[in-house]
Amino acid sequence: MKIALCSKENKKESLVDGRFARSEYFVIFDDEKKDFNFIKNNSNTEHGAGPKAIQFLVEQNVNIIIAPPLGKNATMAAEGSQIQVYLQENKSIEENLKAFKENLLNKQ
């Protein structure tokens, strides 16, 4: 399972970013390998950033997104790609992953 989060910095201790499609970084956590991959967000365009970000995460084989509330178009793109979206807490990347594993995060 691969889980994507939005991050302000490229380290697992970083706080999550309050923006989805315009976050500084996407973090992809591979639950099997226990590996973090930080990717600079390049889908920071004026229009259509949400669906473009979802498409990028689909290409990375992401199954779960932990993020702030997604916009309508990004939500539709996630649903169409069968990616589950959970609402992040204003905490670190690691703390959000722990909360997810303990079933403490709400689905969007």
C-alpha atoms as a PDB file:
ATOM      1  CA  MET A   1       0.000   0.000   0.000  1.00  0.00           C
ATOM      2  CA  LYS A   2       1.242   3.479  -0.872  1.00  0.00           C
ATOM      3  CA  ILE A   3       0.052   6.486   1.094  1.00  0.00           C
ATOM      4  CA  ALA A   4       0.481  10.064  -0.141  1.00  0.00           C
ATOM      5  CA  LEU A   5       0.616  13.129   2.094  1.00  0.00           C
ATOM      6  CA  CYS A   6       1.268  16.820   1.519  1.00  0.00           C
ATOM      7  CA  SER A   7       4.371  18.245   3.165  1.00  0.00           C
ATOM      8  CA  LYS A   8       5.939  21.658   3.719  1.00  0.00           C
ATOM      9  CA  GLU A   9       9.464  20.186   3.711  1.00  0.00           C
ATOM     10  CA  ASN A  10      11.242  17.091   2.459  1.00  0.00           C
ATOM     11  CA  LYS A  11      11.598  15.293   5.804  1.00  0.00           C
ATOM     12  CA  LYS A  12       9.267  12.941   7.657  1.00  0.00           C
ATOM     13  CA  GLU A  13       9.248  15.137  10.766  1.00  0.00           C
ATOM     14  CA  SER A  14       7.804  18.025   8.725  1.00  0.00           C
ATOM     15  CA  LEU A  15       4.319  19.376   9.302  1.00  0.00           C
ATOM     16  CA  VAL A  16       1.758  18.480   6.684  1.00  0.00           C
ATOM     17  CA  ASP A  17       0.948  21.248   4.206  1.00  0.00           C
ATOM     18  CA  GLY A  18      -2.496  22.832   4.498  1.00  0.00           C
ATOM     19  CA  ARG A  19      -2.800  22.810   0.705  1.00  0.00           C
ATOM     20  CA  PHE A  20      -3.246  19.746  -1.443  1.00  0.00           C
ATOM     21  CA  ALA A  21      -2.552  20.506  -5.093  1.00  0.00           C
ATOM     22  CA  ARG A  22      -0.277  23.425  -4.279  1.00  0.00           C
ATOM     23  CA  SER A  23       1.671  21.801  -1.456  1.00  0.00           C
ATOM     24  CA  GLU A  24       5.454  22.131  -1.538  1.00  0.00           C
ATOM     25  CA  TYR A  25       6.040  18.378  -1.583  1.00  0.00           C
ATOM     26  CA  PHE A  26       4.170  15.138  -1.955  1.00  0.00           C
ATOM     27  CA  VAL A  27       5.375  12.395   0.355  1.00  0.00           C
ATOM     28  CA  ILE A  28       4.732   8.849  -0.716  1.00  0.00           C
ATOM     29  CA  PHE A  29       5.070   6.312   2.059  1.00  0.00           C
ATOM     30  CA  ASP A  30       5.449   2.699   0.969  1.00  0.00           C
ATOM     31  CA  ASP A  31       3.925   0.708   3.825  1.00  0.00           C
ATOM     32  CA  GLU A  32       5.567  -2.560   2.750  1.00  0.00           C
ATOM     33  CA  LYS A  33       9.098  -1.137   2.478  1.00  0.00           C
ATOM     34  CA  LYS A  34       8.588   1.464   5.260  1.00  0.00           C
ATOM     35  CA  ASP A  35      10.140   3.929   2.827  1.00  0.00           C
ATOM     36  CA  PHE A  36       9.497   7.675   2.409  1.00  0.00           C
ATOM     37  CA  ASN A  37       9.794   9.281  -1.042  1.00  0.00           C
ATOM     38  CA  PHE A  38       9.637  13.094  -1.158  1.00  0.00           C
ATOM     39  CA  ILE A  39       8.740  14.601  -4.519  1.00  0.00           C
ATOM     40  CA  LYS A  40       8.733  18.325  -5.266  1.00  0.00           C
ATOM     41  CA  ASN A  41       5.245  19.274  -6.403  1.00  0.00           C
ATOM     42  CA  ASN A  42       5.303  20.406 -10.021  1.00  0.00           C
ATOM     43  CA  SER A  43       1.527  20.369 -10.595  1.00  0.00           C
ATOM     44  CA  ASN A  44       1.311  23.855  -9.117  1.00  0.00           C
ATOM     45  CA  THR A  45      -0.498  25.331 -12.130  1.00  0.00           C
ATOM     46  CA  GLU A  46      -3.209  27.979 -12.132  1.00  0.00           C
ATOM     47  CA  HIS A  47      -6.087  25.826 -13.364  1.00  0.00           C
ATOM     48  CA  GLY A  48      -6.738  22.140 -12.873  1.00  0.00           C
ATOM     49  CA  ALA A  49      -4.042  21.616 -10.238  1.00  0.00           C
ATOM     50  CA  GLY A  50      -6.197  19.228  -8.166  1.00  0.00           C
ATOM     51  CA  PRO A  51      -6.947  16.688 -10.906  1.00  0.00           C
ATOM     52  CA  LYS A  52      -3.342  16.956 -12.166  1.00  0.00           C
ATOM     53  CA  ALA A  53      -2.065  16.198  -8.666  1.00  0.00           C
ATOM     54  CA  ILE A  54      -4.408  13.185  -8.429  1.00  0.00           C
ATOM     55  CA  GLN A  55      -3.208  11.940 -11.829  1.00  0.00           C
ATOM     56  CA  PHE A  56       0.412  12.269 -10.680  1.00  0.00           C
ATOM     57  CA  LEU A  57      -0.363  10.240  -7.535  1.00  0.00           C
ATOM     58  CA  VAL A  58      -2.151   7.593  -9.629  1.00  0.00           C
ATOM     59  CA  GLU A  59       1.036   7.282 -11.708  1.00  0.00           C
ATOM     60  CA  GLN A  60       2.922   6.696  -8.430  1.00  0.00           C
ATOM     61  CA  ASN A  61       0.527   3.815  -7.588  1.00  0.00           C
ATOM     62  CA  VAL A  62      -0.895   5.592  -4.532  1.00  0.00           C
ATOM     63  CA  ASN A  63      -3.867   3.882  -2.820  1.00  0.00           C
ATOM     64  CA  ILE A  64      -4.541   6.344   0.022  1.00  0.00           C
ATOM     65  CA  ILE A  65      -4.254  10.128   0.286  1.00  0.00           C
ATOM     66  CA  ILE A  66      -4.056  11.904   3.643  1.00  0.00           C
ATOM     67  CA  ALA A  67      -4.657  15.582   2.909  1.00  0.00           C
ATOM     68  CA  PRO A  68      -6.651  18.701   3.688  1.00  0.00           C
ATOM     69  CA  PRO A  69     -10.177  18.722   2.195  1.00  0.00           C
ATOM     70  CA  LEU A  70      -9.913  18.298  -1.572  1.00  0.00           C
ATOM     71  CA  GLY A  71     -11.753  20.507  -4.001  1.00  0.00           C
ATOM     72  CA  LYS A  72     -14.651  19.167  -6.039  1.00  0.00           C
ATOM     73  CA  ASN A  73     -12.623  18.281  -9.150  1.00  0.00           C
ATOM     74  CA  ALA A  74      -9.819  16.602  -7.186  1.00  0.00           C
ATOM     75  CA  THR A  75     -12.396  14.638  -5.178  1.00  0.00           C
ATOM     76  CA  MET A  76     -14.058  13.415  -8.370  1.00  0.00           C
ATOM     77  CA  ALA A  77     -10.658  12.464  -9.831  1.00  0.00           C
ATOM     78  CA  ALA A  78      -9.716  10.553  -6.653  1.00  0.00           C
ATOM     79  CA  GLU A  79     -13.056   8.720  -6.625  1.00  0.00           C
ATOM     80  CA  GLY A  80     -12.682   7.881 -10.313  1.00  0.00           C
ATOM     81  CA  SER A  81      -9.223   6.472  -9.604  1.00  0.00           C
ATOM     82  CA  GLN A  82     -10.499   4.547  -6.567  1.00  0.00           C
ATOM     83  CA  ILE A  83      -8.116   6.342  -4.222  1.00  0.00           C
ATOM     84  CA  GLN A  84      -9.393   6.715  -0.666  1.00  0.00           C
ATOM     85  CA  VAL A  85      -8.981  10.169   0.876  1.00  0.00           C
ATOM     86  CA  TYR A  86      -8.583  10.803   4.599  1.00  0.00           C
ATOM     87  CA  LEU A  87      -8.501  14.196   6.291  1.00  0.00           C
ATOM     88  CA  GLN A  88      -5.148  15.104   7.777  1.00  0.00           C
ATOM     89  CA  GLU A  89      -4.511  16.512  11.235  1.00  0.00           C
ATOM     90  CA  ASN A  90      -2.338  19.599  11.645  1.00  0.00           C
ATOM     91  CA  LYS A  91       0.614  17.515  12.780  1.00  0.00           C
ATOM     92  CA  SER A  92       3.735  15.944  11.307  1.00  0.00           C
ATOM     93  CA  ILE A  93       3.915  13.424   8.474  1.00  0.00           C
ATOM     94  CA  GLU A  94       4.796  10.673  10.977  1.00  0.00           C
ATOM     95  CA  GLU A  95       1.967  11.593  13.355  1.00  0.00           C
ATOM     96  CA  ASN A  96      -0.589  11.524  10.523  1.00  0.00           C
ATOM     97  CA  LEU A  97       0.610   8.096   9.395  1.00  0.00           C
ATOM     98  CA  LYS A  98       0.345   6.818  12.965  1.00  0.00           C
ATOM     99  CA  ALA A  99      -3.188   8.267  13.292  1.00  0.00           C
ATOM    100  CA  PHE A 100      -4.174   6.617   9.990  1.00  0.00           C
ATOM    101  CA  LYS A 101      -2.868   3.213  11.102  1.00  0.00           C
ATOM    102  CA  GLU A 102      -4.812   3.570  14.360  1.00  0.00           C
ATOM    103  CA  ASN A 103      -8.011   4.430  12.406  1.00  0.00           C
ATOM    104  CA  LEU A 104      -8.179   7.913  13.929  1.00  0.00           C
ATOM    105  CA  LEU A 105      -8.503   9.903  10.689  1.00  0.00           C
ATOM    106  CA  ASN A 106     -11.860  10.672   9.081  1.00  0.00           C
ATOM    107  CA  LYS A 107     -12.597   9.873   5.463  1.00  0.00           C
ATOM    108  CA  GLN A 108     -13.367  12.831   3.243  1.00  0.00           C
END
